[in-house]
């Protein structure tokens, strides 16, 4: 329970059960059944809250108890957890900075919305109409892989010398 609270207190956003499990199973001393039981107990005792989206969020009570108990965790476990948490938080930041959405239009075509942000503000938001959902999803995925490249190409195209 201490490890789950330690992790939840350091996440930059609520996490789903799979992410919590991956982050918690960093130690060979924990098996899935122990993890699942502890996670459920922490929700029942209101140390964690399960959001409407099925994500786990630490409560104030959980934060207080985590701070009190974190020294009970072995240093090596905290180090491993800290590395995994840093990677999770980095990926969460990237998800917040790079967003893509596909929506169907009334006429059967699709709109792909691509957005790129930095730590402060929006850098780019682009909406494209495409004929099929497959194309829309493909464009969204390509954008998520390398949004900076598209941003640079758009700027390059807009600053191109006129002929």
N, C-alpha and C. Protein backbone atom coordinates (compact mmCIF):
# COMPACT_ATOMS: atom_id res chain seq x y z
N UNK A 1 0.83 -1.19 0.00
CA UNK A 1 0.00 0.00 0.00
C UNK A 1 0.87 1.25 0.00
N UNK A 2 1.98 1.20 0.75
CA UNK A 2 2.88 2.35 0.80
C UNK A 2 3.42 2.67 -0.59
N UNK A 3 3.78 1.63 -1.33
CA UNK A 3 4.34 1.84 -2.66
C UNK A 3 3.29 2.44 -3.59
N UNK A 4 2.09 1.95 -3.57
CA UNK A 4 1.03 2.50 -4.43
C UNK A 4 0.79 3.97 -4.10
N UNK A 5 0.74 4.30 -2.82
CA UNK A 5 0.56 5.70 -2.43
C UNK A 5 1.76 6.55 -2.84
N UNK A 6 2.95 6.01 -2.67
CA UNK A 6 4.17 6.72 -3.07
C UNK A 6 4.10 7.08 -4.55
N UNK A 7 3.68 6.12 -5.35
CA UNK A 7 3.59 6.33 -6.80
C UNK A 7 2.49 7.33 -7.12
N UNK A 8 1.30 7.11 -6.59
CA UNK A 8 0.16 7.97 -6.90
C UNK A 8 0.41 9.42 -6.51
N UNK A 9 1.16 9.63 -5.44
CA UNK A 9 1.45 10.99 -4.97
C UNK A 9 2.38 11.73 -5.93
N UNK A 10 3.09 11.01 -6.76
CA UNK A 10 4.08 11.63 -7.63
C UNK A 10 3.67 11.69 -9.10
N UNK A 11 2.53 11.14 -9.42
CA UNK A 11 2.07 11.18 -10.82
C UNK A 11 1.51 12.56 -11.15
N UNK A 12 1.76 13.00 -12.36
CA UNK A 12 1.30 14.32 -12.77
C UNK A 12 -0.16 14.32 -13.21
N UNK A 13 -0.74 13.15 -13.38
CA UNK A 13 -2.14 13.03 -13.76
C UNK A 13 -2.67 11.70 -13.21
N UNK A 14 -4.00 11.58 -13.09
CA UNK A 14 -4.55 10.28 -12.67
C UNK A 14 -4.15 9.18 -13.65
N UNK A 15 -4.05 7.96 -13.15
CA UNK A 15 -3.61 6.84 -13.98
C UNK A 15 -4.66 5.74 -13.99
N UNK A 16 -4.71 5.01 -15.09
CA UNK A 16 -5.63 3.87 -15.15
C UNK A 16 -5.01 2.68 -14.42
N UNK A 17 -5.81 1.64 -14.27
CA UNK A 17 -5.36 0.46 -13.53
C UNK A 17 -4.13 -0.19 -14.12
N UNK A 18 -4.05 -0.23 -15.45
CA UNK A 18 -2.90 -0.86 -16.11
C UNK A 18 -1.61 -0.09 -15.82
N UNK A 19 -1.68 1.23 -15.88
CA UNK A 19 -0.50 2.05 -15.60
C UNK A 19 -0.10 1.92 -14.14
N UNK A 20 -1.09 1.95 -13.25
CA UNK A 20 -0.77 1.77 -11.82
C UNK A 20 -0.11 0.42 -11.58
N UNK A 21 -0.62 -0.61 -12.24
CA UNK A 21 -0.04 -1.94 -12.08
C UNK A 21 1.40 -1.97 -12.59
N UNK A 22 1.64 -1.42 -13.78
CA UNK A 22 2.99 -1.39 -14.33
C UNK A 22 3.96 -0.66 -13.40
N UNK A 23 3.52 0.46 -12.87
CA UNK A 23 4.38 1.25 -12.00
C UNK A 23 4.63 0.55 -10.67
N UNK A 24 3.63 -0.15 -10.17
CA UNK A 24 3.74 -0.82 -8.86
C UNK A 24 4.54 -2.11 -8.94
N UNK A 25 4.46 -2.81 -10.04
CA UNK A 25 5.11 -4.12 -10.16
C UNK A 25 6.61 -3.99 -10.44
N UNK A 26 7.21 -2.89 -10.05
CA UNK A 26 8.64 -2.68 -10.28
C UNK A 26 9.48 -3.51 -9.30
N UNK A 27 8.84 -4.06 -8.29
CA UNK A 27 9.54 -4.80 -7.25
C UNK A 27 9.11 -6.26 -7.31
N UNK A 28 10.06 -7.18 -7.27
CA UNK A 28 9.75 -8.61 -7.34
C UNK A 28 8.98 -9.10 -6.12
N UNK A 29 8.94 -8.32 -5.06
CA UNK A 29 8.25 -8.72 -3.85
C UNK A 29 6.74 -8.53 -3.92
N UNK A 30 6.25 -8.03 -5.03
CA UNK A 30 4.81 -7.75 -5.16
C UNK A 30 4.26 -8.61 -6.30
N UNK A 31 3.18 -9.33 -6.01
CA UNK A 31 2.53 -10.07 -7.10
C UNK A 31 1.20 -9.38 -7.42
N UNK A 32 0.58 -9.81 -8.50
CA UNK A 32 -0.63 -9.15 -8.98
C UNK A 32 -1.75 -9.16 -7.94
N UNK A 33 -1.93 -10.28 -7.26
CA UNK A 33 -3.05 -10.40 -6.32
C UNK A 33 -2.87 -9.46 -5.13
N UNK A 34 -1.63 -9.35 -4.63
CA UNK A 34 -1.36 -8.39 -3.56
C UNK A 34 -1.65 -6.97 -4.04
N UNK A 35 -1.16 -6.67 -5.24
CA UNK A 35 -1.36 -5.34 -5.82
C UNK A 35 -2.86 -5.02 -5.91
N UNK A 36 -3.64 -5.93 -6.49
CA UNK A 36 -5.07 -5.69 -6.71
C UNK A 36 -5.80 -5.50 -5.38
N UNK A 37 -5.46 -6.32 -4.40
CA UNK A 37 -6.10 -6.21 -3.08
C UNK A 37 -5.77 -4.87 -2.43
N UNK A 38 -4.50 -4.48 -2.49
CA UNK A 38 -4.08 -3.22 -1.88
C UNK A 38 -4.73 -2.02 -2.58
N UNK A 39 -4.79 -2.07 -3.90
CA UNK A 39 -5.40 -0.98 -4.66
C UNK A 39 -6.87 -0.81 -4.26
N UNK A 40 -7.59 -1.91 -4.20
CA UNK A 40 -9.00 -1.85 -3.78
C UNK A 40 -9.15 -1.34 -2.36
N UNK A 41 -8.28 -1.78 -1.46
CA UNK A 41 -8.32 -1.30 -0.07
C UNK A 41 -8.08 0.20 0.01
N UNK A 42 -7.15 0.70 -0.80
CA UNK A 42 -6.85 2.13 -0.78
C UNK A 42 -8.03 2.97 -1.29
N UNK A 43 -8.80 2.41 -2.21
CA UNK A 43 -10.01 3.10 -2.67
C UNK A 43 -11.07 3.07 -1.57
N UNK A 44 -11.25 1.89 -0.96
CA UNK A 44 -12.25 1.75 0.12
C UNK A 44 -11.96 2.67 1.29
N UNK A 45 -10.68 2.84 1.62
CA UNK A 45 -10.30 3.67 2.76
C UNK A 45 -10.12 5.14 2.37
N UNK A 46 -10.45 5.45 1.13
CA UNK A 46 -10.42 6.82 0.60
C UNK A 46 -9.03 7.44 0.57
N UNK A 47 -8.02 6.61 0.37
CA UNK A 47 -6.66 7.11 0.12
C UNK A 47 -6.51 7.42 -1.37
N UNK A 48 -7.23 6.65 -2.18
CA UNK A 48 -7.31 6.87 -3.62
C UNK A 48 -8.78 7.01 -3.99
N UNK A 49 -9.01 7.72 -5.08
CA UNK A 49 -10.37 7.87 -5.59
C UNK A 49 -10.39 7.38 -7.03
N UNK A 50 -11.43 6.67 -7.38
CA UNK A 50 -11.61 6.20 -8.75
C UNK A 50 -12.49 7.23 -9.46
N UNK A 51 -11.98 7.86 -10.50
CA UNK A 51 -12.73 8.89 -11.22
C UNK A 51 -13.79 8.24 -12.12
N UNK A 52 -14.66 9.07 -12.69
CA UNK A 52 -15.69 8.58 -13.61
C UNK A 52 -15.09 7.90 -14.82
N UNK A 53 -13.87 8.32 -15.19
CA UNK A 53 -13.18 7.75 -16.35
C UNK A 53 -12.42 6.47 -16.02
N UNK A 54 -12.53 6.00 -14.76
CA UNK A 54 -11.84 4.78 -14.36
C UNK A 54 -10.36 5.00 -14.06
N UNK A 55 -10.00 6.22 -13.68
CA UNK A 55 -8.62 6.55 -13.36
C UNK A 55 -8.46 6.69 -11.85
N UNK A 56 -7.28 6.34 -11.36
CA UNK A 56 -6.99 6.43 -9.93
C UNK A 56 -6.30 7.76 -9.63
N UNK A 57 -6.84 8.44 -8.61
CA UNK A 57 -6.35 9.75 -8.21
C UNK A 57 -6.14 9.72 -6.69
N UNK A 58 -4.99 10.20 -6.25
CA UNK A 58 -4.71 10.22 -4.82
C UNK A 58 -5.52 11.33 -4.16
N UNK A 59 -6.01 11.07 -2.96
CA UNK A 59 -6.77 12.06 -2.20
C UNK A 59 -5.82 12.79 -1.24
N UNK A 60 -6.32 13.80 -0.58
CA UNK A 60 -5.52 14.50 0.43
C UNK A 60 -5.10 13.55 1.55
N UNK A 61 -6.02 12.70 1.95
CA UNK A 61 -5.72 11.69 2.98
C UNK A 61 -4.58 10.79 2.50
N UNK A 62 -4.65 10.37 1.25
CA UNK A 62 -3.60 9.54 0.68
C UNK A 62 -2.26 10.25 0.63
N UNK A 63 -2.27 11.53 0.27
CA UNK A 63 -1.03 12.31 0.23
C UNK A 63 -0.40 12.42 1.62
N UNK A 64 -1.22 12.70 2.61
CA UNK A 64 -0.71 12.81 3.98
C UNK A 64 -0.07 11.51 4.43
N UNK A 65 -0.78 10.41 4.23
CA UNK A 65 -0.25 9.11 4.66
C UNK A 65 0.95 8.67 3.84
N UNK A 66 0.98 9.03 2.58
CA UNK A 66 2.13 8.71 1.75
C UNK A 66 3.38 9.42 2.28
N UNK A 67 3.23 10.69 2.60
CA UNK A 67 4.37 11.46 3.12
C UNK A 67 4.89 10.86 4.42
N UNK A 68 3.99 10.41 5.27
CA UNK A 68 4.38 9.83 6.55
C UNK A 68 5.10 8.49 6.36
N UNK A 69 4.63 7.69 5.41
CA UNK A 69 5.10 6.31 5.28
C UNK A 69 6.18 6.09 4.23
N UNK A 70 6.52 7.09 3.41
CA UNK A 70 7.43 6.83 2.31
C UNK A 70 8.80 6.35 2.75
N UNK A 71 9.24 6.74 3.93
CA UNK A 71 10.55 6.30 4.41
C UNK A 71 10.55 4.80 4.73
N UNK A 72 9.37 4.19 4.82
CA UNK A 72 9.28 2.75 5.08
C UNK A 72 9.65 1.92 3.85
N UNK A 73 9.63 2.56 2.68
CA UNK A 73 9.97 1.83 1.45
C UNK A 73 11.48 1.73 1.32
N UNK A 74 11.99 0.58 0.92
CA UNK A 74 13.44 0.47 0.70
C UNK A 74 13.92 1.48 -0.34
N UNK A 75 15.11 1.99 -0.15
CA UNK A 75 15.68 3.00 -1.04
C UNK A 75 15.73 2.51 -2.48
N UNK A 76 16.09 1.25 -2.69
CA UNK A 76 16.20 0.72 -4.06
C UNK A 76 14.83 0.70 -4.75
N UNK A 77 13.78 0.43 -4.01
CA UNK A 77 12.43 0.43 -4.57
C UNK A 77 12.02 1.85 -4.92
N UNK A 78 12.34 2.80 -4.05
CA UNK A 78 12.02 4.20 -4.34
C UNK A 78 12.76 4.68 -5.57
N UNK A 79 14.02 4.28 -5.72
CA UNK A 79 14.81 4.69 -6.89
C UNK A 79 14.18 4.14 -8.18
N UNK A 80 13.86 2.85 -8.18
CA UNK A 80 13.23 2.24 -9.36
C UNK A 80 11.90 2.91 -9.66
N UNK A 81 11.12 3.15 -8.62
CA UNK A 81 9.82 3.80 -8.79
C UNK A 81 9.99 5.21 -9.35
N UNK A 82 10.95 5.94 -8.83
CA UNK A 82 11.17 7.31 -9.29
C UNK A 82 11.52 7.35 -10.78
N UNK A 83 12.32 6.39 -11.25
CA UNK A 83 12.65 6.34 -12.68
C UNK A 83 11.39 6.05 -13.51
N UNK A 84 10.60 5.09 -13.05
CA UNK A 84 9.37 4.74 -13.78
C UNK A 84 8.36 5.89 -13.75
N UNK A 85 8.25 6.55 -12.62
CA UNK A 85 7.32 7.68 -12.49
C UNK A 85 7.77 8.81 -13.40
N UNK A 86 9.06 9.08 -13.46
CA UNK A 86 9.57 10.14 -14.34
C UNK A 86 9.23 9.84 -15.80
N UNK A 87 9.38 8.58 -16.20
CA UNK A 87 9.04 8.20 -17.58
C UNK A 87 7.54 8.35 -17.83
N UNK A 88 6.72 7.95 -16.87
CA UNK A 88 5.27 8.09 -17.00
C UNK A 88 4.88 9.57 -17.11
N UNK A 89 5.45 10.40 -16.24
CA UNK A 89 5.13 11.82 -16.26
C UNK A 89 5.59 12.50 -17.54
N UNK A 90 6.72 12.05 -18.07
CA UNK A 90 7.21 12.59 -19.35
C UNK A 90 6.24 12.24 -20.47
N UNK A 91 5.77 11.01 -20.49
CA UNK A 91 4.80 10.59 -21.51
C UNK A 91 3.47 11.33 -21.33
N UNK A 92 3.07 11.59 -20.10
CA UNK A 92 1.84 12.33 -19.84
C UNK A 92 1.96 13.77 -20.34
N UNK A 93 3.12 14.38 -20.14
CA UNK A 93 3.35 15.73 -20.64
C UNK A 93 3.27 15.74 -22.16
N UNK A 94 3.86 14.75 -22.78
CA UNK A 94 3.83 14.65 -24.24
C UNK A 94 2.39 14.48 -24.74
N UNK A 95 1.59 13.68 -24.06
CA UNK A 95 0.18 13.51 -24.44
C UNK A 95 -0.58 14.83 -24.34
N UNK A 96 -0.23 15.63 -23.35
CA UNK A 96 -0.89 16.93 -23.18
C UNK A 96 -0.44 17.92 -24.26
N UNK A 97 0.80 17.79 -24.71
CA UNK A 97 1.33 18.72 -25.70
C UNK A 97 0.94 18.36 -27.13
N UNK A 98 0.76 17.09 -27.39
CA UNK A 98 0.45 16.62 -28.74
C UNK A 98 -0.90 15.93 -28.71
N UNK A 99 -1.87 16.54 -29.36
CA UNK A 99 -3.22 15.98 -29.33
C UNK A 99 -3.77 15.87 -30.74
N UNK A 100 -4.54 14.83 -30.95
CA UNK A 100 -5.22 14.65 -32.23
C UNK A 100 -6.58 14.03 -31.96
N UNK A 101 -7.56 14.49 -32.71
CA UNK A 101 -8.93 14.01 -32.54
C UNK A 101 -9.56 13.80 -33.90
N UNK A 102 -10.36 12.77 -33.99
CA UNK A 102 -11.09 12.48 -35.22
C UNK A 102 -12.58 12.59 -34.91
N UNK A 103 -13.28 13.37 -35.71
CA UNK A 103 -14.73 13.48 -35.55
C UNK A 103 -15.40 13.32 -36.90
N UNK A 104 -16.56 12.66 -36.86
CA UNK A 104 -17.32 12.45 -38.09
C UNK A 104 -18.21 13.66 -38.34
N UNK A 105 -18.29 14.05 -39.61
CA UNK A 105 -19.16 15.16 -40.01
C UNK A 105 -20.50 14.60 -40.45
N UNK A 106 -21.49 15.48 -40.54
CA UNK A 106 -22.83 15.06 -40.95
C UNK A 106 -22.86 14.46 -42.35
N UNK A 107 -21.96 14.93 -43.23
CA UNK A 107 -21.97 14.46 -44.62
C UNK A 107 -21.19 13.17 -44.83
N UNK A 108 -20.70 12.55 -43.74
CA UNK A 108 -20.00 11.27 -43.85
C UNK A 108 -18.50 11.39 -43.97
N UNK A 109 -17.99 12.61 -44.10
CA UNK A 109 -16.54 12.80 -44.11
C UNK A 109 -16.06 12.94 -42.66
N UNK A 110 -14.77 13.15 -42.49
CA UNK A 110 -14.20 13.22 -41.15
C UNK A 110 -13.30 14.44 -41.01
N UNK A 111 -13.27 14.98 -39.81
CA UNK A 111 -12.36 16.08 -39.48
C UNK A 111 -11.29 15.54 -38.55
N UNK A 112 -10.05 15.83 -38.91
CA UNK A 112 -8.91 15.49 -38.06
C UNK A 112 -8.43 16.81 -37.46
N UNK A 113 -8.42 16.90 -36.15
CA UNK A 113 -7.92 18.08 -35.47
C UNK A 113 -6.57 17.73 -34.86
N UNK A 114 -5.56 18.49 -35.24
CA UNK A 114 -4.19 18.25 -34.78
C UNK A 114 -3.76 19.48 -33.98
N UNK A 115 -3.27 19.28 -32.78
CA UNK A 115 -2.87 20.40 -31.93
C UNK A 115 -1.50 20.13 -31.32
N UNK A 116 -0.68 21.17 -31.30
CA UNK A 116 0.65 21.10 -30.70
C UNK A 116 0.79 22.27 -29.74
N UNK A 117 1.18 21.95 -28.52
CA UNK A 117 1.37 22.96 -27.47
C UNK A 117 2.78 22.85 -26.92
N UNK A 118 3.23 23.94 -26.33
CA UNK A 118 4.46 23.85 -25.53
C UNK A 118 4.04 23.98 -24.08
N UNK A 119 4.96 24.27 -23.19
CA UNK A 119 4.62 24.34 -21.77
C UNK A 119 3.74 25.54 -21.43
N UNK A 120 3.66 26.52 -22.33
CA UNK A 120 2.97 27.76 -22.04
C UNK A 120 1.69 27.95 -22.85
N UNK A 121 1.75 27.65 -24.15
CA UNK A 121 0.64 28.04 -25.02
C UNK A 121 0.51 27.10 -26.21
N UNK A 122 -0.50 27.36 -26.99
CA UNK A 122 -0.73 26.59 -28.21
C UNK A 122 0.21 27.06 -29.30
N UNK A 123 0.90 26.14 -29.97
CA UNK A 123 1.77 26.48 -31.09
C UNK A 123 1.03 26.36 -32.42
N UNK A 124 0.15 25.36 -32.49
CA UNK A 124 -0.54 25.12 -33.75
C UNK A 124 -1.80 24.32 -33.50
N UNK A 125 -2.85 24.68 -34.23
CA UNK A 125 -4.06 23.85 -34.27
C UNK A 125 -4.50 23.82 -35.72
N UNK A 126 -4.65 22.63 -36.24
CA UNK A 126 -4.96 22.45 -37.65
C UNK A 126 -6.13 21.49 -37.78
N UNK A 127 -7.11 21.86 -38.60
CA UNK A 127 -8.24 20.97 -38.88
C UNK A 127 -8.22 20.62 -40.36
N UNK A 128 -8.31 19.33 -40.61
CA UNK A 128 -8.31 18.84 -41.99
C UNK A 128 -9.55 17.99 -42.22
N UNK A 129 -10.15 18.14 -43.40
CA UNK A 129 -11.27 17.28 -43.77
C UNK A 129 -10.71 16.17 -44.64
N UNK A 130 -11.08 14.94 -44.33
CA UNK A 130 -10.66 13.79 -45.14
C UNK A 130 -11.88 12.92 -45.42
N UNK A 131 -11.74 12.07 -46.43
CA UNK A 131 -12.88 11.31 -46.92
C UNK A 131 -13.27 10.11 -46.05
N UNK A 132 -12.26 9.46 -45.44
CA UNK A 132 -12.58 8.24 -44.70
C UNK A 132 -12.04 8.29 -43.27
N UNK A 133 -12.64 7.48 -42.41
CA UNK A 133 -12.18 7.39 -41.03
C UNK A 133 -10.77 6.80 -40.98
N UNK A 134 -10.48 5.86 -41.87
CA UNK A 134 -9.15 5.25 -41.91
C UNK A 134 -8.08 6.30 -42.19
N UNK A 135 -8.35 7.18 -43.15
CA UNK A 135 -7.41 8.26 -43.46
C UNK A 135 -7.24 9.19 -42.25
N UNK A 136 -8.34 9.51 -41.61
CA UNK A 136 -8.31 10.42 -40.47
C UNK A 136 -7.46 9.83 -39.34
N UNK A 137 -7.68 8.56 -39.03
CA UNK A 137 -6.92 7.92 -37.96
C UNK A 137 -5.44 7.81 -38.33
N UNK A 138 -5.15 7.55 -39.59
CA UNK A 138 -3.76 7.46 -40.04
C UNK A 138 -3.06 8.81 -39.91
N UNK A 139 -3.74 9.89 -40.31
CA UNK A 139 -3.15 11.22 -40.18
C UNK A 139 -2.92 11.58 -38.71
N UNK A 140 -3.87 11.26 -37.86
CA UNK A 140 -3.74 11.54 -36.44
C UNK A 140 -2.54 10.79 -35.85
N UNK A 141 -2.38 9.54 -36.22
CA UNK A 141 -1.26 8.74 -35.72
C UNK A 141 0.08 9.27 -36.23
N UNK A 142 0.14 9.61 -37.50
CA UNK A 142 1.38 10.17 -38.06
C UNK A 142 1.76 11.46 -37.36
N UNK A 143 0.78 12.29 -37.09
CA UNK A 143 1.03 13.56 -36.40
C UNK A 143 1.59 13.31 -35.01
N UNK A 144 0.99 12.38 -34.27
CA UNK A 144 1.44 12.09 -32.90
C UNK A 144 2.89 11.62 -32.87
N UNK A 145 3.34 10.95 -33.93
CA UNK A 145 4.71 10.43 -33.95
C UNK A 145 5.75 11.53 -34.11
N UNK A 146 5.44 12.59 -34.87
CA UNK A 146 6.44 13.63 -35.12
C UNK A 146 5.76 14.97 -35.41
N UNK A 147 5.10 15.56 -34.42
CA UNK A 147 4.37 16.81 -34.65
C UNK A 147 5.29 17.99 -34.98
N UNK A 148 6.49 17.99 -34.44
CA UNK A 148 7.41 19.09 -34.70
C UNK A 148 7.77 19.17 -36.18
N UNK A 149 7.86 18.02 -36.82
CA UNK A 149 8.19 17.99 -38.25
C UNK A 149 7.08 18.67 -39.06
N UNK A 150 5.83 18.36 -38.75
CA UNK A 150 4.71 18.98 -39.46
C UNK A 150 4.70 20.48 -39.20
N UNK A 151 4.92 20.88 -37.96
CA UNK A 151 4.95 22.29 -37.61
C UNK A 151 6.01 23.02 -38.44
N UNK A 152 7.20 22.46 -38.52
CA UNK A 152 8.28 23.07 -39.29
C UNK A 152 7.93 23.12 -40.78
N UNK A 153 7.30 22.07 -41.29
CA UNK A 153 6.93 22.04 -42.71
C UNK A 153 5.85 23.08 -43.03
N UNK A 154 4.90 23.28 -42.11
CA UNK A 154 3.88 24.30 -42.33
C UNK A 154 4.52 25.69 -42.37
N UNK A 155 5.40 25.96 -41.42
CA UNK A 155 6.10 27.25 -41.43
C UNK A 155 6.92 27.42 -42.69
N UNK A 156 7.60 26.38 -43.09
CA UNK A 156 8.42 26.41 -44.31
C UNK A 156 7.53 26.73 -45.52
N UNK A 157 6.40 26.07 -45.62
CA UNK A 157 5.49 26.30 -46.75
C UNK A 157 4.95 27.73 -46.75
N UNK A 158 4.63 28.25 -45.58
CA UNK A 158 4.08 29.60 -45.49
C UNK A 158 5.13 30.67 -45.77
N UNK A 159 6.38 30.38 -45.48
CA UNK A 159 7.45 31.34 -45.73
C UNK A 159 8.16 31.12 -47.07
N UNK A 160 7.70 30.20 -47.85
CA UNK A 160 8.30 29.91 -49.14
C UNK A 160 8.21 31.14 -50.03
N UNK A 161 9.26 31.38 -50.82
CA UNK A 161 9.25 32.51 -51.75
C UNK A 161 8.16 32.32 -52.78
N UNK A 162 7.40 33.37 -53.03
CA UNK A 162 6.34 33.28 -54.04
C UNK A 162 6.96 33.38 -55.42
N UNK A 163 6.43 32.60 -56.35
CA UNK A 163 6.98 32.56 -57.72
C UNK A 163 6.27 33.53 -58.61
